[in-house]
PDB file of N, CA and C in Angstrom:
ATOM      1  N   MET A   1      23.725  -8.352  26.589  1.00  0.00           N
ATOM      2  CA  MET A   1      22.132  -8.302  26.513  1.00  0.00           C
ATOM      3  C   MET A   1      21.797  -7.829  27.782  1.00  0.00           C
ATOM      4  N   GLN A   2      22.577  -8.939  28.933  1.00  0.00           N
ATOM      5  CA  GLN A   2      21.552  -9.231  30.166  1.00  0.00           C
ATOM      6  C   GLN A   2      22.303  -7.383  31.073  1.00  0.00           C
ATOM      7  N   SER A   3      23.253  -7.180  30.520  1.00  0.00           N
ATOM      8  CA  SER A   3      23.664  -5.989  31.019  1.00  0.00           C
ATOM      9  C   SER A   3      22.687  -5.027  30.644  1.00  0.00           C
ATOM     10  N   LEU A   4      22.369  -4.757  29.424  1.00  0.00           N
ATOM     11  CA  LEU A   4      21.222  -3.932  29.055  1.00  0.00           C
ATOM     12  C   LEU A   4      19.932  -3.813  29.665  1.00  0.00           C
ATOM     13  N   ILE A   5      19.810  -5.301  29.797  1.00  0.00           N
ATOM     14  CA  ILE A   5      18.462  -5.164  30.364  1.00  0.00           C
ATOM     15  C   ILE A   5      18.213  -4.963  31.562  1.00  0.00           C
ATOM     16  N   ILE A   6      19.321  -5.225  32.405  1.00  0.00           N
ATOM     17  CA  ILE A   6      19.418  -4.733  33.944  1.00  0.00           C
ATOM     18  C   ILE A   6      19.596  -3.241  34.127  1.00  0.00           C
ATOM     19  N   SER A   7      20.396  -2.885  33.040  1.00  0.00           N
ATOM     20  CA  SER A   7      20.440  -1.434  33.139  1.00  0.00           C
ATOM     21  C   SER A   7      19.166  -0.687  32.886  1.00  0.00           C
ATOM     22  N   TYR A   8      18.139  -1.207  32.219  1.00  0.00           N
ATOM     23  CA  TYR A   8      16.847  -0.257  31.829  1.00  0.00           C
ATOM     24  C   TYR A   8      16.467  -0.658  32.733  1.00  0.00           C
ATOM     25  N   THR A   9      16.479  -1.361  33.391  1.00  0.00           N
ATOM     26  CA  THR A   9      14.800  -2.256  35.066  1.00  0.00           C
ATOM     27  C   THR A   9      15.674  -1.287  35.486  1.00  0.00           C
ATOM     28  N   ASN A  10      16.906  -1.048  35.957  1.00  0.00           N
ATOM     29  CA  ASN A  10      16.943  -0.256  37.403  1.00  0.00           C
ATOM     30  C   ASN A  10      16.692   1.044  36.568  1.00  0.00           C
ATOM     31  N   TYR A  11      16.765   1.637  36.179  1.00  0.00           N
ATOM     32  CA  TYR A  11      16.305   2.885  35.713  1.00  0.00           C
ATOM     33  C   TYR A  11      14.609   2.662  35.585  1.00  0.00           C
ATOM     34  N   TYR A  12      13.972   1.997  34.889  1.00  0.00           N
ATOM     35  CA  TYR A  12      12.546   1.895  35.262  1.00  0.00           C
ATOM     36  C   TYR A  12      12.198   2.372  36.417  1.00  0.00           C
ATOM     37  N   ASN A  13      12.790   0.873  37.403  1.00  0.00           N
ATOM     38  CA  ASN A  13      12.261   0.880  38.486  1.00  0.00           C
ATOM     39  C   ASN A  13      11.965   2.176  39.771  1.00  0.00           C
ATOM     40  N   ARG A  14      13.509   3.021  39.584  1.00  0.00           N
ATOM     41  CA  ARG A  14      13.724   4.103  40.049  1.00  0.00           C
ATOM     42  C   ARG A  14      12.783   5.446  39.527  1.00  0.00           C
ATOM     43  N   GLU A  15      12.636   5.267  38.159  1.00  0.00           N
ATOM     44  CA  GLU A  15      12.173   6.299  37.297  1.00  0.00           C
ATOM     45  C   GLU A  15      10.435   6.052  37.565  1.00  0.00           C
ATOM     46  N   TYR A  16       9.393   5.188  37.984  1.00  0.00           N
ATOM     47  CA  TYR A  16       8.508   4.967  37.880  1.00  0.00           C
ATOM     48  C   TYR A  16       7.904   3.836  39.357  1.00  0.00           C
ATOM     49  N   SER A  17       9.209   4.261  40.329  1.00  0.00           N
ATOM     50  CA  SER A  17       8.550   3.484  41.358  1.00  0.00           C
ATOM     51  C   SER A  17       8.193   2.751  41.235  1.00  0.00           C
ATOM     52  N   HIS A  18       8.798   1.284  39.996  1.00  0.00           N
ATOM     53  CA  HIS A  18       8.845  -0.107  40.086  1.00  0.00           C
ATOM     54  C   HIS A  18       9.227  -0.741  41.212  1.00  0.00           C
ATOM     55  N   ALA A  19       8.762  -2.473  41.282  1.00  0.00           N
ATOM     56  CA  ALA A  19       9.700  -3.438  42.040  1.00  0.00           C
ATOM     57  C   ALA A  19      10.062  -4.460  41.433  1.00  0.00           C
ATOM     58  N   GLY A  20      11.132  -5.346  40.701  1.00  0.00           N
ATOM     59  CA  GLY A  20      11.157  -6.523  40.169  1.00  0.00           C
ATOM     60  C   GLY A  20      11.403  -5.842  38.776  1.00  0.00           C
ATOM     61  N   PRO A  21      11.345  -7.383  37.642  1.00  0.00           N
ATOM     62  CA  PRO A  21      11.219  -7.568  36.548  1.00  0.00           C
ATOM     63  C   PRO A  21      10.355  -6.800  35.622  1.00  0.00           C
ATOM     64  N   ILE A  22      10.758  -6.460  34.371  1.00  0.00           N
ATOM     65  CA  ILE A  22       9.658  -5.320  33.382  1.00  0.00           C
ATOM     66  C   ILE A  22       9.806  -6.200  32.038  1.00  0.00           C
ATOM     67  N   PHE A  23      10.189  -7.300  32.143  1.00  0.00           N
ATOM     68  CA  PHE A  23      10.533  -8.130  31.488  1.00  0.00           C
ATOM     69  C   PHE A  23       9.872  -9.544  31.577  1.00  0.00           C
ATOM     70  N   GLN A  24       8.486 -10.258  30.354  1.00  0.00           N
ATOM     71  CA  GLN A  24       8.510 -11.376  31.195  1.00  0.00           C
ATOM     72  C   GLN A  24       9.094 -12.521  31.456  1.00  0.00           C
ATOM     73  N   ALA A  25      10.008 -13.156  30.317  1.00  0.00           N
ATOM     74  CA  ALA A  25      10.887 -13.911  30.571  1.00  0.00           C
ATOM     75  C   ALA A  25      12.629 -13.462  29.820  1.00  0.00           C
ATOM     76  N   VAL A  26      13.517 -14.701  30.510  1.00  0.00           N
ATOM     77  CA  VAL A  26      14.626 -14.358  29.873  1.00  0.00           C
ATOM     78  C   VAL A  26      15.050 -14.427  28.703  1.00  0.00           C
ATOM     79  N   TYR A  27      16.023 -13.928  28.266  1.00  0.00           N
ATOM     80  CA  TYR A  27      16.958 -13.892  27.561  1.00  0.00           C
ATOM     81  C   TYR A  27      17.446 -14.692  26.652  1.00  0.00           C
ATOM     82  N   LYS A  28      17.298 -14.996  25.650  1.00  0.00           N
ATOM     83  CA  LYS A  28      17.976 -16.601  25.220  1.00  0.00           C
ATOM     84  C   LYS A  28      18.594 -16.039  23.740  1.00  0.00           C
ATOM     85  N   ALA A  29      19.637 -17.129  23.960  1.00  0.00           N
ATOM     86  CA  ALA A  29      20.343 -17.002  23.138  1.00  0.00           C
ATOM     87  C   ALA A  29      21.095 -18.402  22.426  1.00  0.00           C
ATOM     88  N   ARG A  30      21.371 -18.868  20.930  1.00  0.00           N
ATOM     89  CA  ARG A  30      21.829 -19.696  20.700  1.00  0.00           C
ATOM     90  C   ARG A  30      22.723 -19.687  19.827  1.00  0.00           C
ATOM     91  N   ARG A  31      23.437 -20.573  19.236  1.00  0.00           N
ATOM     92  CA  ARG A  31      24.220 -20.082  18.351  1.00  0.00           C
ATOM     93  C   ARG A  31      23.943 -20.315  16.718  1.00  0.00           C
ATOM     94  N   ILE A  32      23.643 -19.899  16.109  1.00  0.00           N
ATOM     95  CA  ILE A  32      23.484 -20.606  14.477  1.00  0.00           C
ATOM     96  C   ILE A  32      24.536 -21.148  13.801  1.00  0.00           C
ATOM     97  N   GLU A  33      24.144 -22.445  13.810  1.00  0.00           N
ATOM     98  CA  GLU A  33      25.316 -24.035  13.507  1.00  0.00           C
ATOM     99  C   GLU A  33      25.022 -24.166  12.340  1.00  0.00           C
ATOM    100  N   SER A  34      24.041 -23.917  11.481  1.00  0.00           N
ATOM    101  CA  SER A  34      23.922 -23.899   9.887  1.00  0.00           C
ATOM    102  C   SER A  34      23.382 -22.994   8.725  1.00  0.00           C
ATOM    103  N   ASP A  35      23.305 -23.750   7.300  1.00  0.00           N
ATOM    104  CA  ASP A  35      22.621 -22.567   6.922  1.00  0.00           C
ATOM    105  C   ASP A  35      21.315 -23.484   6.584  1.00  0.00           C
ATOM    106  N   LEU A  36      20.466 -23.794   7.486  1.00  0.00           N
ATOM    107  CA  LEU A  36      19.349 -24.343   7.283  1.00  0.00           C
ATOM    108  C   LEU A  36      18.482 -23.312   8.966  1.00  0.00           C
ATOM    109  N   ASP A  37      19.294 -23.605   9.821  1.00  0.00           N
ATOM    110  CA  ASP A  37      19.203 -22.812  10.829  1.00  0.00           C
ATOM    111  C   ASP A  37      18.953 -21.009  10.975  1.00  0.00           C
ATOM    112  N   LEU A  38      19.805 -20.897  10.289  1.00  0.00           N
ATOM    113  CA  LEU A  38      19.751 -19.378   9.597  1.00  0.00           C
ATOM    114  C   LEU A  38      18.371 -18.815   8.833  1.00  0.00           C
ATOM    115  N   ILE A  39      18.228 -19.582   7.899  1.00  0.00           N
ATOM    116  CA  ILE A  39      16.829 -19.398   7.405  1.00  0.00           C
ATOM    117  C   ILE A  39      16.080 -19.656   8.046  1.00  0.00           C
ATOM    118  N   ASN A  40      15.942 -20.758   9.007  1.00  0.00           N
ATOM    119  CA  ASN A  40      14.854 -20.884  10.358  1.00  0.00           C
ATOM    120  C   ASN A  40      14.587 -18.998  11.168  1.00  0.00           C
ATOM    121  N   ILE A  41      15.765 -19.096  11.325  1.00  0.00           N
ATOM    122  CA  ILE A  41      15.756 -17.975  12.286  1.00  0.00           C
ATOM    123  C   ILE A  41      15.477 -16.745  11.993  1.00  0.00           C
ATOM    124  N   SER A  42      15.754 -16.617  10.438  1.00  0.00           N
ATOM    125  CA  SER A  42      15.015 -15.167  10.088  1.00  0.00           C
ATOM    126  C   SER A  42      14.017 -15.632   9.502  1.00  0.00           C
ATOM    127  N   ARG A  43      13.141 -16.450   9.430  1.00  0.00           N
ATOM    128  CA  ARG A  43      11.607 -16.634   9.236  1.00  0.00           C
ATOM    129  C   ARG A  43      10.833 -16.603  10.583  1.00  0.00           C
ATOM    130  N   TYR A  44      11.706 -17.088  12.107  1.00  0.00           N
ATOM    131  CA  TYR A  44      11.190 -16.640  13.176  1.00  0.00           C
ATOM    132  C   TYR A  44      11.063 -15.194  13.222  1.00  0.00           C
ATOM    133  N   ILE A  45      12.029 -14.356  13.253  1.00  0.00           N
ATOM    134  CA  ILE A  45      12.089 -13.454  13.458  1.00  0.00           C
ATOM    135  C   ILE A  45      11.250 -12.496  12.599  1.00  0.00           C
ATOM    136  N   HIS A  46      11.638 -12.415  11.408  1.00  0.00           N
ATOM    137  CA  HIS A  46      10.458 -11.525  10.253  1.00  0.00           C
ATOM    138  C   HIS A  46       8.957 -12.229  10.868  1.00  0.00           C
ATOM    139  N   LEU A  47       8.535 -12.968  11.394  1.00  0.00           N
ATOM    140  CA  LEU A  47       6.880 -13.869  11.570  1.00  0.00           C
ATOM    141  C   LEU A  47       6.417 -13.188  13.248  1.00  0.00           C
ATOM    142  N   ASN A  48       7.681 -13.160  14.030  1.00  0.00           N
ATOM    143  CA  ASN A  48       7.527 -13.093  15.528  1.00  0.00           C
ATOM    144  C   ASN A  48       6.126 -11.717  15.387  1.00  0.00           C
ATOM    145  N   PRO A  49       6.055 -10.422  14.478  1.00  0.00           N
ATOM    146  CA  PRO A  49       5.219  -9.688  15.491  1.00  0.00           C
ATOM    147  C   PRO A  49       4.057 -10.403  14.903  1.00  0.00           C
ATOM    148  N   SER A  50       3.188 -10.898  14.289  1.00  0.00           N
ATOM    149  CA  SER A  50       2.260 -11.249  14.333  1.00  0.00           C
ATOM    150  C   SER A  50       2.432 -13.205  13.778  1.00  0.00           C
ATOM    151  N   PRO A  51       2.471 -13.823  14.532  1.00  0.00           N
ATOM    152  CA  PRO A  51       3.301 -15.755  14.153  1.00  0.00           C
ATOM    153  C   PRO A  51       2.183 -16.218  13.735  1.00  0.00           C
ATOM    154  N   ASP A  52       0.387 -15.882  13.729  1.00  0.00           N
ATOM    155  CA  ASP A  52      -0.522 -16.846  13.101  1.00  0.00           C
ATOM    156  C   ASP A  52      -1.241 -15.778  12.162  1.00  0.00           C
ATOM    157  N   ASN A  53      -0.583 -14.872  11.887  1.00  0.00           N
ATOM    158  CA  ASN A  53      -0.800 -14.702  10.240  1.00  0.00           C
ATOM    159  C   ASN A  53       0.772 -13.561   9.666  1.00  0.00           C
ATOM    160  N   PRO A  54       0.946 -14.541   9.052  1.00  0.00           N
ATOM    161  CA  PRO A  54       2.185 -14.215   8.200  1.00  0.00           C
ATOM    162  C   PRO A  54       1.625 -12.843   7.220  1.00  0.00           C
ATOM    163  N   LYS A  55       0.931 -12.763   6.734  1.00  0.00           N
ATOM    164  CA  LYS A  55       1.018 -11.899   6.056  1.00  0.00           C
ATOM    165  C   LYS A  55       0.861 -10.592   6.413  1.00  0.00           C
ATOM    166  N   GLU A  56       0.188 -10.299   7.807  1.00  0.00           N
ATOM    167  CA  GLU A  56       0.306  -9.061   8.614  1.00  0.00           C
ATOM    168  C   GLU A  56       1.554  -8.719   9.051  1.00  0.00           C
ATOM    169  N   ALA A  57       2.289 -10.075   9.512  1.00  0.00           N
ATOM    170  CA  ALA A  57       3.578  -9.947   9.892  1.00  0.00           C
ATOM    171  C   ALA A  57       4.610  -9.553   9.047  1.00  0.00           C
ATOM    172  N   ILE A  58       4.744  -9.884   7.670  1.00  0.00           N
ATOM    173  CA  ILE A  58       5.299  -9.545   7.143  1.00  0.00           C
ATOM    174  C   ILE A  58       5.159  -7.846   6.364  1.00  0.00           C
ATOM    175  N   ASN A  59       4.094  -7.430   6.830  1.00  0.00           N
ATOM    176  CA  ASN A  59       3.750  -5.697   6.333  1.00  0.00           C
ATOM    177  C   ASN A  59       4.041  -5.024   7.615  1.00  0.00           C
ATOM    178  N   TYR A  60       4.525  -5.458   8.740  1.00  0.00           N
ATOM    179  CA  TYR A  60       4.668  -4.849   9.658  1.00  0.00           C
ATOM    180  C   TYR A  60       5.215  -3.683   9.654  1.00  0.00           C
ATOM    181  N   ILE A  61       5.186  -2.210   9.593  1.00  0.00           N
ATOM    182  CA  ILE A  61       5.916  -1.098   9.494  1.00  0.00           C
ATOM    183  C   ILE A  61       7.115  -1.282  10.409  1.00  0.00           C
ATOM    184  N   TYR A  62       7.824  -1.630  11.325  1.00  0.00           N
ATOM    185  CA  TYR A  62       8.963  -2.237  12.355  1.00  0.00           C
ATOM    186  C   TYR A  62       9.888  -3.141  12.173  1.00  0.00           C
ATOM    187  N   SER A  63       9.718  -3.866  11.078  1.00  0.00           N
ATOM    188  CA  SER A  63      10.166  -4.775  10.925  1.00  0.00           C
ATOM    189  C   SER A  63      10.837  -5.403   9.023  1.00  0.00           C
ATOM    190  N   SER A  64      11.745  -5.898   9.311  1.00  0.00           N
ATOM    191  CA  SER A  64      12.367  -5.942   7.751  1.00  0.00           C
ATOM    192  C   SER A  64      12.075  -6.527   6.780  1.00  0.00           C
ATOM    193  N   ALA A  65      11.206  -7.478   7.313  1.00  0.00           N
ATOM    194  CA  ALA A  65      10.428  -8.113   6.282  1.00  0.00           C
ATOM    195  C   ALA A  65      10.345  -7.853   4.808  1.00  0.00           C
ATOM    196  N   ARG A  66       9.759  -6.584   5.174  1.00  0.00           N
ATOM    197  CA  ARG A  66       9.073  -6.169   3.653  1.00  0.00           C
ATOM    198  C   ARG A  66      10.503  -5.651   2.910  1.00  0.00           C
ATOM    199  N   CYS A  67      11.518  -5.514   3.729  1.00  0.00           N
ATOM    200  CA  CYS A  67      13.071  -5.373   2.439  1.00  0.00           C
ATOM    201  C   CYS A  67      13.448  -6.838   1.692  1.00  0.00           C
ATOM    202  N   TYR A  68      12.781  -7.978   3.114  1.00  0.00           N
ATOM    203  CA  TYR A  68      12.972  -9.485   2.039  1.00  0.00           C
ATOM    204  C   TYR A  68      11.978  -9.039   0.763  1.00  0.00           C
ATOM    205  N   THR A  69      11.476  -9.042   1.271  1.00  0.00           N
ATOM    206  CA  THR A  69       9.838  -9.988   0.503  1.00  0.00           C
ATOM    207  C   THR A  69       9.182  -8.721  -0.794  1.00  0.00           C
ATOM    208  N   ASN A  70      10.060  -7.673  -0.963  1.00  0.00           N
ATOM    209  CA  ASN A  70       9.435  -6.477  -1.977  1.00  0.00           C
ATOM    210  C   ASN A  70      10.871  -5.422  -2.536  1.00  0.00           C
ATOM    211  N   SER A  71      11.753  -6.129  -3.245  1.00  0.00           N
ATOM    212  CA  SER A  71      12.922  -4.615  -4.099  1.00  0.00           C
ATOM    213  C   SER A  71      12.355  -3.686  -3.744  1.00  0.00           C
ATOM    214  N   LYS A  72      11.213  -2.903  -3.394  1.00  0.00           N
ATOM    215  CA  LYS A  72      10.944  -1.237  -3.482  1.00  0.00           C
ATOM    216  C   LYS A  72      10.758  -0.711  -2.378  1.00  0.00           C
ATOM    217  N   ASN A  73      10.683  -2.080  -1.043  1.00  0.00           N
ATOM    218  CA  ASN A  73      10.884  -1.402  -0.215  1.00  0.00           C
ATOM    219  C   ASN A  73      11.995  -1.790   1.162  1.00  0.00           C
ATOM    220  N   SER A  74      13.684  -1.360   0.341  1.00  0.00           N
ATOM    221  CA  SER A  74      14.448  -1.911   0.694  1.00  0.00           C
ATOM    222  C   SER A  74      15.218  -0.622   1.164  1.00  0.00           C
ATOM    223  N   TYR A  75      15.839  -0.650   2.358  1.00  0.00           N
ATOM    224  CA  TYR A  75      16.244   0.222   2.638  1.00  0.00           C
ATOM    225  C   TYR A  75      18.300  -0.197   2.187  1.00  0.00           C
ATOM    226  N   ASP A  76      19.193   1.340   2.383  1.00  0.00           N
ATOM    227  CA  ASP A  76      19.893   0.366   2.449  1.00  0.00           C
ATOM    228  C   ASP A  76      21.505  -0.080   3.401  1.00  0.00           C
ATOM    229  N   PHE A  77      20.589   0.518   4.737  1.00  0.00           N
ATOM    230  CA  PHE A  77      21.324  -0.488   5.922  1.00  0.00           C
ATOM    231  C   PHE A  77      20.817  -1.938   6.128  1.00  0.00           C
ATOM    232  N   VAL A  78      20.058  -2.297   5.696  1.00  0.00           N
ATOM    233  CA  VAL A  78      19.386  -3.419   5.465  1.00  0.00           C
ATOM    234  C   VAL A  78      20.264  -4.598   4.443  1.00  0.00           C
ATOM    235  N   LYS A  79      21.138  -5.462   4.794  1.00  0.00           N
ATOM    236  CA  LYS A  79      21.519  -6.109   4.051  1.00  0.00           C
ATOM    237  C   LYS A  79      20.632  -7.637   3.553  1.00  0.00           C
ATOM    238  N   THR A  80      20.661  -7.859   2.810  1.00  0.00           N
ATOM    239  CA  THR A  80      19.114  -9.009   2.246  1.00  0.00           C
ATOM    240  C   THR A  80      19.964  -9.909   2.261  1.00  0.00           C
ATOM    241  N   GLY A  81      20.694  -9.897   1.078  1.00  0.00           N
ATOM    242  CA  GLY A  81      21.996 -10.770   0.605  1.00  0.00           C
ATOM    243  C   GLY A  81      21.945 -11.927   1.157  1.00  0.00           C
ATOM    244  N   PRO A  82      22.845 -12.308   2.312  1.00  0.00           N
ATOM    245  CA  PRO A  82      22.817 -13.283   3.009  1.00  0.00           C
ATOM    246  C   PRO A  82      21.969 -14.627   3.619  1.00  0.00           C
ATOM    247  N   ILE A  83      20.555 -13.491   3.392  1.00  0.00           N
ATOM    248  CA  ILE A  83      19.426 -14.512   3.480  1.00  0.00           C
ATOM    249  C   ILE A  83      18.934 -14.738   1.926  1.00  0.00           C
ATOM    250  N   LEU A  84      19.259 -13.773   1.178  1.00  0.00           N
ATOM    251  CA  LEU A  84      17.703 -13.955  -0.074  1.00  0.00           C
ATOM    252  C   LEU A  84      18.773 -15.102  -1.062  1.00  0.00           C
ATOM    253  N   LYS A  85      20.453 -15.166  -0.851  1.00  0.00           N
ATOM    254  CA  LYS A  85      21.647 -16.110  -1.550  1.00  0.00           C
ATOM    255  C   LYS A  85      20.389 -17.223  -1.558  1.00  0.00           C
ATOM    256  N   PHE A  86      20.059 -18.240  -0.313  1.00  0.00           N
ATOM    257  CA  PHE A  86      19.256 -18.833  -0.352  1.00  0.00           C
ATOM    258  C   PHE A  86      17.827 -19.542  -1.086  1.00  0.00           C
ATOM    259  N   PHE A  87      17.452 -18.021  -1.763  1.00  0.00           N
ATOM    260  CA  PHE A  87      16.430 -17.808  -2.109  1.00  0.00           C
ATOM    261  C   PHE A  87      16.827 -17.412  -3.352  1.00  0.00           C
ATOM    262  N   ASN A  88      17.797 -18.013  -4.331  1.00  0.00           N
ATOM    263  CA  ASN A  88      18.406 -17.386  -5.509  1.00  0.00           C
ATOM    264  C   ASN A  88      18.168 -15.612  -5.980  1.00  0.00           C
ATOM    265  N   ASN A  89      18.149 -15.053  -4.464  1.00  0.00           N
ATOM    266  CA  ASN A  89      17.687 -13.771  -4.500  1.00  0.00           C
ATOM    267  C   ASN A  89      16.953 -13.686  -5.073  1.00  0.00           C
ATOM    268  N   SER A  90      15.587 -13.922  -4.645  1.00  0.00           N
ATOM    269  CA  SER A  90      14.089 -13.921  -5.090  1.00  0.00           C
ATOM    270  C   SER A  90      13.920 -13.266  -4.340  1.00  0.00           C
ATOM    271  N   PRO A  91      13.012 -12.179  -3.869  1.00  0.00           N
ATOM    272  CA  PRO A  91      12.091 -11.822  -2.695  1.00  0.00           C
ATOM    273  C   PRO A  91      11.083 -12.477  -2.907  1.00  0.00           C
ATOM    274  N   ASP A  92      10.694 -12.966  -3.626  1.00  0.00           N
ATOM    275  CA  ASP A  92       9.038 -13.258  -4.136  1.00  0.00           C
ATOM    276  C   ASP A  92       9.010 -15.540  -3.630  1.00  0.00           C
ATOM    277  N   ARG A  93      10.200 -15.986  -3.802  1.00  0.00           N
ATOM    278  CA  ARG A  93      10.555 -16.965  -2.967  1.00  0.00           C
ATOM    279  C   ARG A  93      10.607 -16.835  -1.623  1.00  0.00           C
ATOM    280  N   TYR A  94      11.556 -15.847  -1.236  1.00  0.00           N
ATOM    281  CA  TYR A  94      11.441 -15.563   0.224  1.00  0.00           C
ATOM    282  C   TYR A  94      10.121 -15.678   0.601  1.00  0.00           C
ATOM    283  N   LYS A  95       9.522 -15.120  -0.079  1.00  0.00           N
ATOM    284  CA  LYS A  95       7.771 -14.525   0.657  1.00  0.00           C
ATOM    285  C   LYS A  95       6.855 -15.837   0.466  1.00  0.00           C
ATOM    286  N   SER A  96       7.560 -16.691  -0.473  1.00  0.00           N
ATOM    287  CA  SER A  96       6.825 -17.805  -0.095  1.00  0.00           C
ATOM    288  C   SER A  96       6.661 -18.468   1.168  1.00  0.00           C
ATOM    289  N   PHE A  97       8.647 -18.791   1.284  1.00  0.00           N
ATOM    290  CA  PHE A  97       9.000 -19.645   2.521  1.00  0.00           C
ATOM    291  C   PHE A  97       8.388 -19.094   3.456  1.00  0.00           C
ATOM    292  N   LEU A  98       8.172 -17.642   3.886  1.00  0.00           N
ATOM    293  CA  LEU A  98       7.477 -17.204   5.293  1.00  0.00           C
ATOM    294  C   LEU A  98       6.219 -17.203   5.087  1.00  0.00           C
ATOM    295  N   LEU A  99       5.212 -17.401   4.139  1.00  0.00           N
ATOM    296  CA  LEU A  99       4.190 -17.667   3.841  1.00  0.00           C
ATOM    297  C   LEU A  99       3.685 -18.797   4.114  1.00  0.00           C
ATOM    298  N   GLY A 100       4.872 -19.686   3.997  1.00  0.00           N
ATOM    299  CA  GLY A 100       4.586 -21.687   4.388  1.00  0.00           C
ATOM    300  C   GLY A 100       3.967 -22.247   2.673  1.00  0.00           C
ATOM    301  N   LYS A 101       4.274 -21.379   1.595  1.00  0.00           N
ATOM    302  CA  LYS A 101       3.551 -22.093   0.368  1.00  0.00           C
ATOM    303  C   LYS A 101       4.759 -23.230  -0.268  1.00  0.00           C
TER     304      LYS A 101
END
C-alpha cells in the first residue's frame, strides 16, 4: 500500500502543481488473529461510509454491505461465505449485527 500511495501522491503533485502529502493519515494494517477480529473488522469496514448512521452505511452504493445483508443484491465476485458462516449464513442476522441489535 505504501508504494501505491507514494506513487499516486507523486503523480498528483506533478499533475496539479501540489506539494506535500495528499492523504490525511498514515495507512495502518494489523493482523486479524481471531474469528472475533474478523467479524468486527467486517463491521468496521461496512459501517465506515457512515459510522453514525448504520442504515445509511449499509445502503451505500459503493459498499459490499448490501451483498451481506440482502441476498438479492449480491454479486458473484463478492464472497460473503467466510463472514456469513458466523451468522448461520443469514443476511438478516448479519444486518442485525451491523445495526447493533
